[in-house]
Amino acid sequence: MTNQERLLMETKSITLTPDEMSVYLSENGLNATESYNATDKAQTRKVYETALSILESIANQPHLMKNYTSDDQTVSQFHENLLARIDQLENKIRKMKSEESKAANTNGSFFMLFNQ
């Protein structure tokens, strides 16, 4: 699986051209054709950050922020749901960053108070 395929898993039903997808990935330090490594937490975080960038771009399009009705079904509150997903992704990324920093500091810090 490539980084682009993993990003598509995270952003289902959002249609972007391959060029647009590559730009979003490269802005977050990823190569679209590079192999995705699920055990690499930094790479996973970058995929989530890329998905967040895409959602924020969608949130900047006011013509999408209206209610739609189709065949007696209403798709409403698109904007509220989009913002909730953005908040969810931001929290997830923030949590991953703190976990990465904790893992990097596993040896702890040592402070010498008294010195002879």
PDB file of N, CA and C in Angstrom:
ATOM      1  N   MET A   1       0.849  -1.170   0.000  1.00  0.00           N
ATOM      2  CA  MET A   1       0.000   0.000   0.000  1.00  0.00           C
ATOM      3  C   MET A   1       0.899   1.238   0.000  1.00  0.00           C
ATOM      4  N   THR A   2       0.521   2.227  -0.789  1.00  0.00           N
ATOM      5  CA  THR A   2       1.279   3.470  -0.858  1.00  0.00           C
ATOM      6  C   THR A   2       0.673   4.511   0.084  1.00  0.00           C
ATOM      7  N   ASN A   3       1.394   5.598   0.278  1.00  0.00           N
ATOM      8  CA  ASN A   3       0.875   6.696   1.101  1.00  0.00           C
ATOM      9  C   ASN A   3      -0.416   7.248   0.518  1.00  0.00           C
ATOM     10  N   GLN A   4      -0.489   7.317  -0.798  1.00  0.00           N
ATOM     11  CA  GLN A   4      -1.691   7.835  -1.450  1.00  0.00           C
ATOM     12  C   GLN A   4      -2.885   6.915  -1.192  1.00  0.00           C
ATOM     13  N   GLU A   5      -2.676   5.611  -1.266  1.00  0.00           N
ATOM     14  CA  GLU A   5      -3.770   4.668  -1.001  1.00  0.00           C
ATOM     15  C   GLU A   5      -4.223   4.758   0.455  1.00  0.00           C
ATOM     16  N   ARG A   6      -3.277   4.951   1.379  1.00  0.00           N
ATOM     17  CA  ARG A   6      -3.637   5.085   2.793  1.00  0.00           C
ATOM     18  C   ARG A   6      -4.426   6.363   3.022  1.00  0.00           C
ATOM     19  N   LEU A   7      -4.037   7.434   2.345  1.00  0.00           N
ATOM     20  CA  LEU A   7      -4.772   8.690   2.460  1.00  0.00           C
ATOM     21  C   LEU A   7      -6.184   8.543   1.898  1.00  0.00           C
ATOM     22  N   LEU A   8      -6.330   7.801   0.820  1.00  0.00           N
ATOM     23  CA  LEU A   8      -7.662   7.556   0.256  1.00  0.00           C
ATOM     24  C   LEU A   8      -8.547   6.806   1.244  1.00  0.00           C
ATOM     25  N   MET A   9      -7.958   5.919   2.046  1.00  0.00           N
ATOM     26  CA  MET A   9      -8.725   5.225   3.083  1.00  0.00           C
ATOM     27  C   MET A   9      -9.252   6.221   4.118  1.00  0.00           C
ATOM     28  N   GLU A  10      -8.457   7.220   4.422  1.00  0.00           N
ATOM     29  CA  GLU A  10      -8.828   8.204   5.433  1.00  0.00           C
ATOM     30  C   GLU A  10      -9.818   9.230   4.904  1.00  0.00           C
ATOM     31  N   THR A  11      -9.817   9.465   3.603  1.00  0.00           N
ATOM     32  CA  THR A  11     -10.679  10.492   3.010  1.00  0.00           C
ATOM     33  C   THR A  11     -11.604   9.888   1.961  1.00  0.00           C
ATOM     34  N   LYS A  12     -12.266   8.817   2.306  1.00  0.00           N
ATOM     35  CA  LYS A  12     -13.213   8.198   1.365  1.00  0.00           C
ATOM     36  C   LYS A  12     -14.250   9.216   0.938  1.00  0.00           C
ATOM     37  N   SER A  13     -14.772   9.086  -0.198  1.00  0.00           N
ATOM     38  CA  SER A  13     -15.827   9.922  -0.789  1.00  0.00           C
ATOM     39  C   SER A  13     -15.394  11.359  -1.075  1.00  0.00           C
ATOM     40  N   ILE A  14     -14.157  11.707  -0.816  1.00  0.00           N
ATOM     41  CA  ILE A  14     -13.645  13.019  -1.219  1.00  0.00           C
ATOM     42  C   ILE A  14     -12.842  12.783  -2.488  1.00  0.00           C
ATOM     43  N   THR A  15     -13.285  13.400  -3.570  1.00  0.00           N
ATOM     44  CA  THR A  15     -12.620  13.166  -4.846  1.00  0.00           C
ATOM     45  C   THR A  15     -11.622  14.279  -5.135  1.00  0.00           C
ATOM     46  N   LEU A  16     -10.383  13.868  -5.294  1.00  0.00           N
ATOM     47  CA  LEU A  16      -9.293  14.767  -5.656  1.00  0.00           C
ATOM     48  C   LEU A  16      -8.549  14.157  -6.826  1.00  0.00           C
ATOM     49  N   THR A  17      -7.958  14.992  -7.634  1.00  0.00           N
ATOM     50  CA  THR A  17      -7.130  14.477  -8.720  1.00  0.00           C
ATOM     51  C   THR A  17      -5.832  13.933  -8.114  1.00  0.00           C
ATOM     52  N   PRO A  18      -5.172  13.028  -8.824  1.00  0.00           N
ATOM     53  CA  PRO A  18      -3.892  12.521  -8.314  1.00  0.00           C
ATOM     54  C   PRO A  18      -2.866  13.633  -8.070  1.00  0.00           C
ATOM     55  N   ASP A  19      -2.894  14.660  -8.910  1.00  0.00           N
ATOM     56  CA  ASP A  19      -1.969  15.787  -8.719  1.00  0.00           C
ATOM     57  C   ASP A  19      -2.272  16.537  -7.421  1.00  0.00           C
ATOM     58  N   GLU A  20      -3.546  16.777  -7.147  1.00  0.00           N
ATOM     59  CA  GLU A  20      -3.924  17.455  -5.907  1.00  0.00           C
ATOM     60  C   GLU A  20      -3.522  16.616  -4.698  1.00  0.00           C
ATOM     61  N   MET A  21      -3.760  15.320  -4.789  1.00  0.00           N
ATOM     62  CA  MET A  21      -3.405  14.411  -3.701  1.00  0.00           C
ATOM     63  C   MET A  21      -1.896  14.443  -3.454  1.00  0.00           C
ATOM     64  N   SER A  22      -1.116  14.458  -4.529  1.00  0.00           N
ATOM     65  CA  SER A  22       0.343  14.507  -4.399  1.00  0.00           C
ATOM     66  C   SER A  22       0.807  15.792  -3.748  1.00  0.00           C
ATOM     67  N   VAL A  23       0.156  16.902  -4.082  1.00  0.00           N
ATOM     68  CA  VAL A  23       0.521  18.185  -3.480  1.00  0.00           C
ATOM     69  C   VAL A  23       0.251  18.159  -1.982  1.00  0.00           C
ATOM     70  N   TYR A  24      -0.931  17.693  -1.583  1.00  0.00           N
ATOM     71  CA  TYR A  24      -1.250  17.613  -0.159  1.00  0.00           C
ATOM     72  C   TYR A  24      -0.246  16.730   0.573  1.00  0.00           C
ATOM     73  N   LEU A  25       0.084  15.582  -0.020  1.00  0.00           N
ATOM     74  CA  LEU A  25       1.038  14.672   0.618  1.00  0.00           C
ATOM     75  C   LEU A  25       2.424  15.304   0.723  1.00  0.00           C
ATOM     76  N   SER A  26       2.877  15.941  -0.341  1.00  0.00           N
ATOM     77  CA  SER A  26       4.215  16.530  -0.314  1.00  0.00           C
ATOM     78  C   SER A  26       4.292  17.705   0.660  1.00  0.00           C
ATOM     79  N   GLU A  27       3.206  18.439   0.826  1.00  0.00           N
ATOM     80  CA  GLU A  27       3.186  19.536   1.794  1.00  0.00           C
ATOM     81  C   GLU A  27       3.365  19.022   3.221  1.00  0.00           C
ATOM     82  N   ASN A  28       3.029  17.770   3.447  1.00  0.00           N
ATOM     83  CA  ASN A  28       3.171  17.170   4.773  1.00  0.00           C
ATOM     84  C   ASN A  28       4.352  16.208   4.849  1.00  0.00           C
ATOM     85  N   GLY A  29       5.251  16.293   3.883  1.00  0.00           N
ATOM     86  CA  GLY A  29       6.484  15.518   3.949  1.00  0.00           C
ATOM     87  C   GLY A  29       6.374  14.074   3.522  1.00  0.00           C
ATOM     88  N   LEU A  30       5.373  13.755   2.710  1.00  0.00           N
ATOM     89  CA  LEU A  30       5.194  12.380   2.243  1.00  0.00           C
ATOM     90  C   LEU A  30       5.267  12.319   0.729  1.00  0.00           C
ATOM     91  N   ASN A  31       5.728  11.185   0.219  1.00  0.00           N
ATOM     92  CA  ASN A  31       5.756  10.919  -1.209  1.00  0.00           C
ATOM     93  C   ASN A  31       4.564  10.023  -1.529  1.00  0.00           C
ATOM     94  N   ALA A  32       3.784  10.380  -2.534  1.00  0.00           N
ATOM     95  CA  ALA A  32       2.550   9.646  -2.850  1.00  0.00           C
ATOM     96  C   ALA A  32       2.812   8.197  -3.221  1.00  0.00           C
ATOM     97  N   THR A  33       3.918   7.915  -3.902  1.00  0.00           N
ATOM     98  CA  THR A  33       4.181   6.555  -4.384  1.00  0.00           C
ATOM     99  C   THR A  33       5.021   5.738  -3.417  1.00  0.00           C
ATOM    100  N   GLU A  34       5.464   6.348  -2.323  1.00  0.00           N
ATOM    101  CA  GLU A  34       6.266   5.635  -1.337  1.00  0.00           C
ATOM    102  C   GLU A  34       5.399   4.640  -0.573  1.00  0.00           C
ATOM    103  N   SER A  35       5.994   3.534  -0.179  1.00  0.00           N
ATOM    104  CA  SER A  35       5.272   2.498   0.544  1.00  0.00           C
ATOM    105  C   SER A  35       4.902   2.988   1.943  1.00  0.00           C
ATOM    106  N   TYR A  36       3.677   2.700   2.355  1.00  0.00           N
ATOM    107  CA  TYR A  36       3.187   3.103   3.676  1.00  0.00           C
ATOM    108  C   TYR A  36       3.589   2.054   4.701  1.00  0.00           C
ATOM    109  N   ASN A  37       4.156   2.502   5.808  1.00  0.00           N
ATOM    110  CA  ASN A  37       4.561   1.619   6.887  1.00  0.00           C
ATOM    111  C   ASN A  37       3.663   1.893   8.088  1.00  0.00           C
ATOM    112  N   ALA A  38       2.773   0.974   8.409  1.00  0.00           N
ATOM    113  CA  ALA A  38       1.795   1.187   9.470  1.00  0.00           C
ATOM    114  C   ALA A  38       2.425   1.255  10.853  1.00  0.00           C
ATOM    115  N   THR A  39       3.615   0.694  11.014  1.00  0.00           N
ATOM    116  CA  THR A  39       4.261   0.720  12.328  1.00  0.00           C
ATOM    117  C   THR A  39       5.014   2.021  12.582  1.00  0.00           C
ATOM    118  N   ASP A  40       5.203   2.832  11.555  1.00  0.00           N
ATOM    119  CA  ASP A  40       5.889   4.115  11.694  1.00  0.00           C
ATOM    120  C   ASP A  40       4.871   5.164  12.130  1.00  0.00           C
ATOM    121  N   LYS A  41       4.906   5.516  13.414  1.00  0.00           N
ATOM    122  CA  LYS A  41       3.917   6.456  13.966  1.00  0.00           C
ATOM    123  C   LYS A  41       4.040   7.845  13.354  1.00  0.00           C
ATOM    124  N   ALA A  42       5.257   8.267  13.034  1.00  0.00           N
ATOM    125  CA  ALA A  42       5.438   9.592  12.424  1.00  0.00           C
ATOM    126  C   ALA A  42       4.788   9.642  11.046  1.00  0.00           C
ATOM    127  N   GLN A  43       4.904   8.559  10.294  1.00  0.00           N
ATOM    128  CA  GLN A  43       4.301   8.512   8.956  1.00  0.00           C
ATOM    129  C   GLN A  43       2.777   8.485   9.070  1.00  0.00           C
ATOM    130  N   THR A  44       2.261   7.739  10.031  1.00  0.00           N
ATOM    131  CA  THR A  44       0.814   7.694  10.252  1.00  0.00           C
ATOM    132  C   THR A  44       0.293   9.072  10.631  1.00  0.00           C
ATOM    133  N   ARG A  45       1.029   9.781  11.502  1.00  0.00           N
ATOM    134  CA  ARG A  45       0.636  11.120  11.896  1.00  0.00           C
ATOM    135  C   ARG A  45       0.626  12.055  10.688  1.00  0.00           C
ATOM    136  N   LYS A  46       1.589  11.910   9.797  1.00  0.00           N
ATOM    137  CA  LYS A  46       1.638  12.758   8.603  1.00  0.00           C
ATOM    138  C   LYS A  46       0.452  12.485   7.671  1.00  0.00           C
ATOM    139  N   VAL A  47       0.019  11.229   7.601  1.00  0.00           N
ATOM    140  CA  VAL A  47      -1.166  10.901   6.797  1.00  0.00           C
ATOM    141  C   VAL A  47      -2.390  11.589   7.391  1.00  0.00           C
ATOM    142  N   TYR A  48      -2.524  11.539   8.727  1.00  0.00           N
ATOM    143  CA  TYR A  48      -3.637  12.216   9.387  1.00  0.00           C
ATOM    144  C   TYR A  48      -3.563  13.727   9.182  1.00  0.00           C
ATOM    145  N   GLU A  49      -2.362  14.295   9.236  1.00  0.00           N
ATOM    146  CA  GLU A  49      -2.209  15.728   9.000  1.00  0.00           C
ATOM    147  C   GLU A  49      -2.597  16.095   7.571  1.00  0.00           C
ATOM    148  N   THR A  50      -2.298  15.208   6.617  1.00  0.00           N
ATOM    149  CA  THR A  50      -2.683  15.449   5.231  1.00  0.00           C
ATOM    150  C   THR A  50      -4.203  15.410   5.091  1.00  0.00           C
ATOM    151  N   ALA A  51      -4.840  14.438   5.733  1.00  0.00           N
ATOM    152  CA  ALA A  51      -6.309  14.360   5.709  1.00  0.00           C
ATOM    153  C   ALA A  51      -6.912  15.608   6.335  1.00  0.00           C
ATOM    154  N   LEU A  52      -6.301  16.093   7.398  1.00  0.00           N
ATOM    155  CA  LEU A  52      -6.769  17.318   8.038  1.00  0.00           C
ATOM    156  C   LEU A  52      -6.656  18.506   7.088  1.00  0.00           C
ATOM    157  N   SER A  53      -5.562  18.584   6.350  1.00  0.00           N
ATOM    158  CA  SER A  53      -5.386  19.667   5.370  1.00  0.00           C
ATOM    159  C   SER A  53      -6.480  19.633   4.309  1.00  0.00           C
ATOM    160  N   ILE A  54      -6.813  18.443   3.861  1.00  0.00           N
ATOM    161  CA  ILE A  54      -7.866  18.290   2.849  1.00  0.00           C
ATOM    162  C   ILE A  54      -9.209  18.745   3.411  1.00  0.00           C
ATOM    163  N   LEU A  55      -9.523  18.325   4.636  1.00  0.00           N
ATOM    164  CA  LEU A  55     -10.799  18.713   5.250  1.00  0.00           C
ATOM    165  C   LEU A  55     -10.865  20.224   5.486  1.00  0.00           C
ATOM    166  N   GLU A  56      -9.746  20.816   5.868  1.00  0.00           N
ATOM    167  CA  GLU A  56      -9.735  22.260   6.059  1.00  0.00           C
ATOM    168  C   GLU A  56      -9.937  22.996   4.732  1.00  0.00           C
ATOM    169  N   SER A  57      -9.422  22.435   3.647  1.00  0.00           N
ATOM    170  CA  SER A  57      -9.649  23.043   2.328  1.00  0.00           C
ATOM    171  C   SER A  57     -11.124  22.972   1.952  1.00  0.00           C
ATOM    172  N   ILE A  58     -11.756  21.876   2.282  1.00  0.00           N
ATOM    173  CA  ILE A  58     -13.190  21.734   2.001  1.00  0.00           C
ATOM    174  C   ILE A  58     -13.987  22.718   2.850  1.00  0.00           C
ATOM    175  N   ALA A  59     -13.559  22.906   4.095  1.00  0.00           N
ATOM    176  CA  ALA A  59     -14.263  23.832   4.989  1.00  0.00           C
ATOM    177  C   ALA A  59     -14.161  25.274   4.506  1.00  0.00           C
ATOM    178  N   ASN A  60     -13.192  25.567   3.654  1.00  0.00           N
ATOM    179  CA  ASN A  60     -13.031  26.916   3.111  1.00  0.00           C
ATOM    180  C   ASN A  60     -13.859  27.160   1.860  1.00  0.00           C
ATOM    181  N   GLN A  61     -14.764  26.250   1.532  1.00  0.00           N
ATOM    182  CA  GLN A  61     -15.611  26.396   0.350  1.00  0.00           C
ATOM    183  C   GLN A  61     -17.055  26.637   0.805  1.00  0.00           C
ATOM    184  N   PRO A  62     -17.469  27.884   0.909  1.00  0.00           N
ATOM    185  CA  PRO A  62     -18.791  28.191   1.459  1.00  0.00           C
ATOM    186  C   PRO A  62     -19.954  27.632   0.656  1.00  0.00           C
ATOM    187  N   HIS A  63     -19.784  27.398  -0.628  1.00  0.00           N
ATOM    188  CA  HIS A  63     -20.897  26.868  -1.415  1.00  0.00           C
ATOM    189  C   HIS A  63     -21.256  25.438  -1.004  1.00  0.00           C
ATOM    190  N   LEU A  64     -20.397  24.771  -0.264  1.00  0.00           N
ATOM    191  CA  LEU A  64     -20.698  23.420   0.211  1.00  0.00           C
ATOM    192  C   LEU A  64     -21.453  23.426   1.540  1.00  0.00           C
ATOM    193  N   MET A  65     -21.600  24.577   2.159  1.00  0.00           N
ATOM    194  CA  MET A  65     -22.159  24.662   3.502  1.00  0.00           C
ATOM    195  C   MET A  65     -23.667  24.880   3.504  1.00  0.00           C
ATOM    196  N   LYS A  66     -24.377  24.163   2.708  1.00  0.00           N
ATOM    197  CA  LYS A  66     -25.825  24.280   2.689  1.00  0.00           C
ATOM    198  C   LYS A  66     -26.434  22.892   2.867  1.00  0.00           C
ATOM    199  N   ASN A  67     -27.717  22.841   3.149  1.00  0.00           N
ATOM    200  CA  ASN A  67     -28.416  21.580   3.330  1.00  0.00           C
ATOM    201  C   ASN A  67     -28.899  21.051   1.980  1.00  0.00           C
ATOM    202  N   TYR A  68     -28.829  19.770   1.809  1.00  0.00           N
ATOM    203  CA  TYR A  68     -29.248  19.130   0.566  1.00  0.00           C
ATOM    204  C   TYR A  68     -30.397  18.166   0.854  1.00  0.00           C
ATOM    205  N   THR A  69     -31.373  18.132  -0.045  1.00  0.00           N
ATOM    206  CA  THR A  69     -32.479  17.189   0.062  1.00  0.00           C
ATOM    207  C   THR A  69     -32.556  16.394  -1.233  1.00  0.00           C
ATOM    208  N   SER A  70     -32.625  15.069  -1.076  1.00  0.00           N
ATOM    209  CA  SER A  70     -32.676  14.206  -2.247  1.00  0.00           C
ATOM    210  C   SER A  70     -33.534  12.991  -1.928  1.00  0.00           C
ATOM    211  N   ASP A  71     -34.595  12.795  -2.693  1.00  0.00           N
ATOM    212  CA  ASP A  71     -35.474  11.627  -2.526  1.00  0.00           C
ATOM    213  C   ASP A  71     -35.929  11.446  -1.079  1.00  0.00           C
ATOM    214  N   ASP A  72     -36.499  12.481  -0.516  1.00  0.00           N
ATOM    215  CA  ASP A  72     -37.025  12.461   0.850  1.00  0.00           C
ATOM    216  C   ASP A  72     -35.957  12.243   1.916  1.00  0.00           C
ATOM    217  N   GLN A  73     -34.691  12.417   1.582  1.00  0.00           N
ATOM    218  CA  GLN A  73     -33.612  12.343   2.557  1.00  0.00           C
ATOM    219  C   GLN A  73     -32.913  13.687   2.598  1.00  0.00           C
ATOM    220  N   THR A  74     -32.607  14.129   3.798  1.00  0.00           N
ATOM    221  CA  THR A  74     -31.957  15.421   3.964  1.00  0.00           C
ATOM    222  C   THR A  74     -30.552  15.218   4.506  1.00  0.00           C
ATOM    223  N   VAL A  75     -29.617  15.812   3.817  1.00  0.00           N
ATOM    224  CA  VAL A  75     -28.240  15.839   4.317  1.00  0.00           C
ATOM    225  C   VAL A  75     -28.044  17.238   4.875  1.00  0.00           C
ATOM    226  N   SER A  76     -28.106  17.331   6.181  1.00  0.00           N
ATOM    227  CA  SER A  76     -28.024  18.644   6.803  1.00  0.00           C
ATOM    228  C   SER A  76     -26.823  18.704   7.732  1.00  0.00           C
ATOM    229  N   GLN A  77     -26.543  19.893   8.159  1.00  0.00           N
ATOM    230  CA  GLN A  77     -25.479  20.140   9.103  1.00  0.00           C
ATOM    231  C   GLN A  77     -24.126  19.646   8.598  1.00  0.00           C
ATOM    232  N   PHE A  78     -23.899  19.773   7.302  1.00  0.00           N
ATOM    233  CA  PHE A  78     -22.634  19.346   6.713  1.00  0.00           C
ATOM    234  C   PHE A  78     -21.471  20.084   7.368  1.00  0.00           C
ATOM    235  N   HIS A  79     -21.636  21.374   7.540  1.00  0.00           N
ATOM    236  CA  HIS A  79     -20.566  22.184   8.097  1.00  0.00           C
ATOM    237  C   HIS A  79     -20.242  21.771   9.532  1.00  0.00           C
ATOM    238  N   GLU A  80     -21.265  21.540  10.345  1.00  0.00           N
ATOM    239  CA  GLU A  80     -21.039  21.132  11.732  1.00  0.00           C
ATOM    240  C   GLU A  80     -20.339  19.776  11.804  1.00  0.00           C
ATOM    241  N   ASN A  81     -20.773  18.857  10.953  1.00  0.00           N
ATOM    242  CA  ASN A  81     -20.146  17.533  10.940  1.00  0.00           C
ATOM    243  C   ASN A  81     -18.705  17.601  10.449  1.00  0.00           C
ATOM    244  N   LEU A  82     -18.457  18.449   9.472  1.00  0.00           N
ATOM    245  CA  LEU A  82     -17.105  18.622   8.958  1.00  0.00           C
ATOM    246  C   LEU A  82     -16.188  19.201  10.030  1.00  0.00           C
ATOM    247  N   LEU A  83     -16.666  20.219  10.739  1.00  0.00           N
ATOM    248  CA  LEU A  83     -15.865  20.813  11.796  1.00  0.00           C
ATOM    249  C   LEU A  83     -15.627  19.837  12.945  1.00  0.00           C
ATOM    250  N   ALA A  84     -16.609  18.989  13.223  1.00  0.00           N
ATOM    251  CA  ALA A  84     -16.431  17.977  14.261  1.00  0.00           C
ATOM    252  C   ALA A  84     -15.348  16.980  13.849  1.00  0.00           C
ATOM    253  N   ARG A  85     -15.324  16.603  12.589  1.00  0.00           N
ATOM    254  CA  ARG A  85     -14.289  15.683  12.097  1.00  0.00           C
ATOM    255  C   ARG A  85     -12.913  16.348  12.125  1.00  0.00           C
ATOM    256  N   ILE A  86     -12.857  17.632  11.795  1.00  0.00           N
ATOM    257  CA  ILE A  86     -11.593  18.364  11.867  1.00  0.00           C
ATOM    258  C   ILE A  86     -11.084  18.393  13.305  1.00  0.00           C
ATOM    259  N   ASP A  87     -11.970  18.685  14.257  1.00  0.00           N
ATOM    260  CA  ASP A  87     -11.574  18.691  15.673  1.00  0.00           C
ATOM    261  C   ASP A  87     -11.096  17.317  16.118  1.00  0.00           C
ATOM    262  N   GLN A  88     -11.787  16.270  15.665  1.00  0.00           N
ATOM    263  CA  GLN A  88     -11.404  14.909  16.019  1.00  0.00           C
ATOM    264  C   GLN A  88     -10.000  14.586  15.502  1.00  0.00           C
ATOM    265  N   LEU A  89      -9.729  14.949  14.261  1.00  0.00           N
ATOM    266  CA  LEU A  89      -8.405  14.697  13.696  1.00  0.00           C
ATOM    267  C   LEU A  89      -7.331  15.521  14.401  1.00  0.00           C
ATOM    268  N   GLU A  90      -7.624  16.772  14.714  1.00  0.00           N
ATOM    269  CA  GLU A  90      -6.655  17.601  15.430  1.00  0.00           C
ATOM    270  C   GLU A  90      -6.313  16.996  16.781  1.00  0.00           C
ATOM    271  N   ASN A  91      -7.321  16.515  17.508  1.00  0.00           N
ATOM    272  CA  ASN A  91      -7.077  15.883  18.803  1.00  0.00           C
ATOM    273  C   ASN A  91      -6.248  14.613  18.652  1.00  0.00           C
ATOM    274  N   LYS A  92      -6.546  13.838  17.635  1.00  0.00           N
ATOM    275  CA  LYS A  92      -5.808  12.601  17.395  1.00  0.00           C
ATOM    276  C   LYS A  92      -4.344  12.896  17.081  1.00  0.00           C
ATOM    277  N   ILE A  93      -4.098  13.906  16.259  1.00  0.00           N
ATOM    278  CA  ILE A  93      -2.726  14.290  15.899  1.00  0.00           C
ATOM    279  C   ILE A  93      -1.991  14.808  17.128  1.00  0.00           C
ATOM    280  N   ARG A  94      -2.656  15.643  17.913  1.00  0.00           N
ATOM    281  CA  ARG A  94      -2.040  16.187  19.124  1.00  0.00           C
ATOM    282  C   ARG A  94      -1.669  15.064  20.089  1.00  0.00           C
ATOM    283  N   LYS A  95      -2.543  14.083  20.228  1.00  0.00           N
ATOM    284  CA  LYS A  95      -2.283  12.944  21.101  1.00  0.00           C
ATOM    285  C   LYS A  95      -1.103  12.122  20.581  1.00  0.00           C
ATOM    286  N   MET A  96      -1.039  11.931  19.266  1.00  0.00           N
ATOM    287  CA  MET A  96       0.071  11.171  18.679  1.00  0.00           C
ATOM    288  C   MET A  96       1.392  11.898  18.896  1.00  0.00           C
ATOM    289  N   LYS A  97       1.399  13.221  18.779  1.00  0.00           N
ATOM    290  CA  LYS A  97       2.620  13.994  18.997  1.00  0.00           C
ATOM    291  C   LYS A  97       3.091  13.862  20.430  1.00  0.00           C
ATOM    292  N   SER A  98       2.163  13.906  21.386  1.00  0.00           N
ATOM    293  CA  SER A  98       2.566  13.784  22.789  1.00  0.00           C
ATOM    294  C   SER A  98       3.067  12.382  23.093  1.00  0.00           C
ATOM    295  N   GLU A  99       2.459  11.368  22.472  1.00  0.00           N
ATOM    296  CA  GLU A  99       2.936   9.999  22.662  1.00  0.00           C
ATOM    297  C   GLU A  99       4.326   9.813  22.067  1.00  0.00           C
ATOM    298  N   GLU A 100       4.580  10.452  20.908  1.00  0.00           N
ATOM    299  CA  GLU A 100       5.898  10.366  20.291  1.00  0.00           C
ATOM    300  C   GLU A 100       6.949  11.044  21.156  1.00  0.00           C
ATOM    301  N   SER A 101       6.590  12.183  21.743  1.00  0.00           N
ATOM    302  CA  SER A 101       7.563  12.879  22.589  1.00  0.00           C
ATOM    303  C   SER A 101       7.823  12.106  23.871  1.00  0.00           C
ATOM    304  N   LYS A 102       6.803  11.434  24.406  1.00  0.00           N
ATOM    305  CA  LYS A 102       7.006  10.601  25.594  1.00  0.00           C
ATOM    306  C   LYS A 102       7.902   9.425  25.259  1.00  0.00           C
ATOM    307  N   ALA A 103       7.700   8.823  24.086  1.00  0.00           N
ATOM    308  CA  ALA A 103       8.527   7.693  23.676  1.00  0.00           C
ATOM    309  C   ALA A 103       9.972   8.123  23.457  1.00  0.00           C
ATOM    310  N   ALA A 104      10.173   9.335  22.983  1.00  0.00           N
ATOM    311  CA  ALA A 104      11.532   9.834  22.752  1.00  0.00           C
ATOM    312  C   ALA A 104      12.241  10.121  24.071  1.00  0.00           C
ATOM    313  N   ASN A 105      11.493  10.405  25.107  1.00  0.00           N
ATOM    314  CA  ASN A 105      12.080  10.724  26.408  1.00  0.00           C
ATOM    315  C   ASN A 105      11.965   9.564  27.391  1.00  0.00           C
ATOM    316  N   THR A 106      12.045   8.343  26.915  1.00  0.00           N
ATOM    317  CA  THR A 106      11.886   7.191  27.793  1.00  0.00           C
ATOM    318  C   THR A 106      13.029   7.042  28.769  1.00  0.00           C
ATOM    319  N   ASN A 107      14.211   7.571  28.440  1.00  0.00           N
ATOM    320  CA  ASN A 107      15.322   7.458  29.368  1.00  0.00           C
ATOM    321  C   ASN A 107      15.205   8.455  30.507  1.00  0.00           C
ATOM    322  N   GLY A 108      14.245   9.347  30.433  1.00  0.00           N
ATOM    323  CA  GLY A 108      13.998  10.306  31.492  1.00  0.00           C
ATOM    324  C   GLY A 108      15.030  11.410  31.509  1.00  0.00           C
ATOM    325  N   SER A 109      14.813  12.347  32.388  1.00  0.00           N
ATOM    326  CA  SER A 109      15.784  13.425  32.525  1.00  0.00           C
ATOM    327  C   SER A 109      16.391  13.346  33.916  1.00  0.00           C
ATOM    328  N   PHE A 110      17.643  13.686  33.994  1.00  0.00           N
ATOM    329  CA  PHE A 110      18.359  13.616  35.254  1.00  0.00           C
ATOM    330  C   PHE A 110      18.861  15.004  35.579  1.00  0.00           C
ATOM    331  N   PHE A 111      18.595  15.434  36.794  1.00  0.00           N
ATOM    332  CA  PHE A 111      19.028  16.749  37.224  1.00  0.00           C
ATOM    333  C   PHE A 111      19.858  16.577  38.488  1.00  0.00           C
ATOM    334  N   MET A 112      21.039  17.108  38.467  1.00  0.00           N
ATOM    335  CA  MET A 112      21.934  16.994  39.610  1.00  0.00           C
ATOM    336  C   MET A 112      21.803  18.269  40.438  1.00  0.00           C
ATOM    337  N   LEU A 113      21.206  18.140  41.605  1.00  0.00           N
ATOM    338  CA  LEU A 113      20.962  19.310  42.441  1.00  0.00           C
ATOM    339  C   LEU A 113      22.204  19.729  43.199  1.00  0.00           C
ATOM    340  N   PHE A 114      22.902  18.761  43.762  1.00  0.00           N
ATOM    341  CA  PHE A 114      24.089  19.064  44.560  1.00  0.00           C
ATOM    342  C   PHE A 114      25.318  18.561  43.835  1.00  0.00           C
ATOM    343  N   ASN A 115      26.332  19.369  43.787  1.00  0.00           N
ATOM    344  CA  ASN A 115      27.579  18.977  43.149  1.00  0.00           C
ATOM    345  C   ASN A 115      28.709  19.297  44.111  1.00  0.00           C
ATOM    346  N   GLN A 116      29.611  18.381  44.282  1.00  0.00           N
ATOM    347  CA  GLN A 116      30.721  18.611  45.208  1.00  0.00           C
ATOM    348  C   GLN A 116      31.890  19.226  44.525  1.00  0.00           C
TER     349      GLN A 116
END
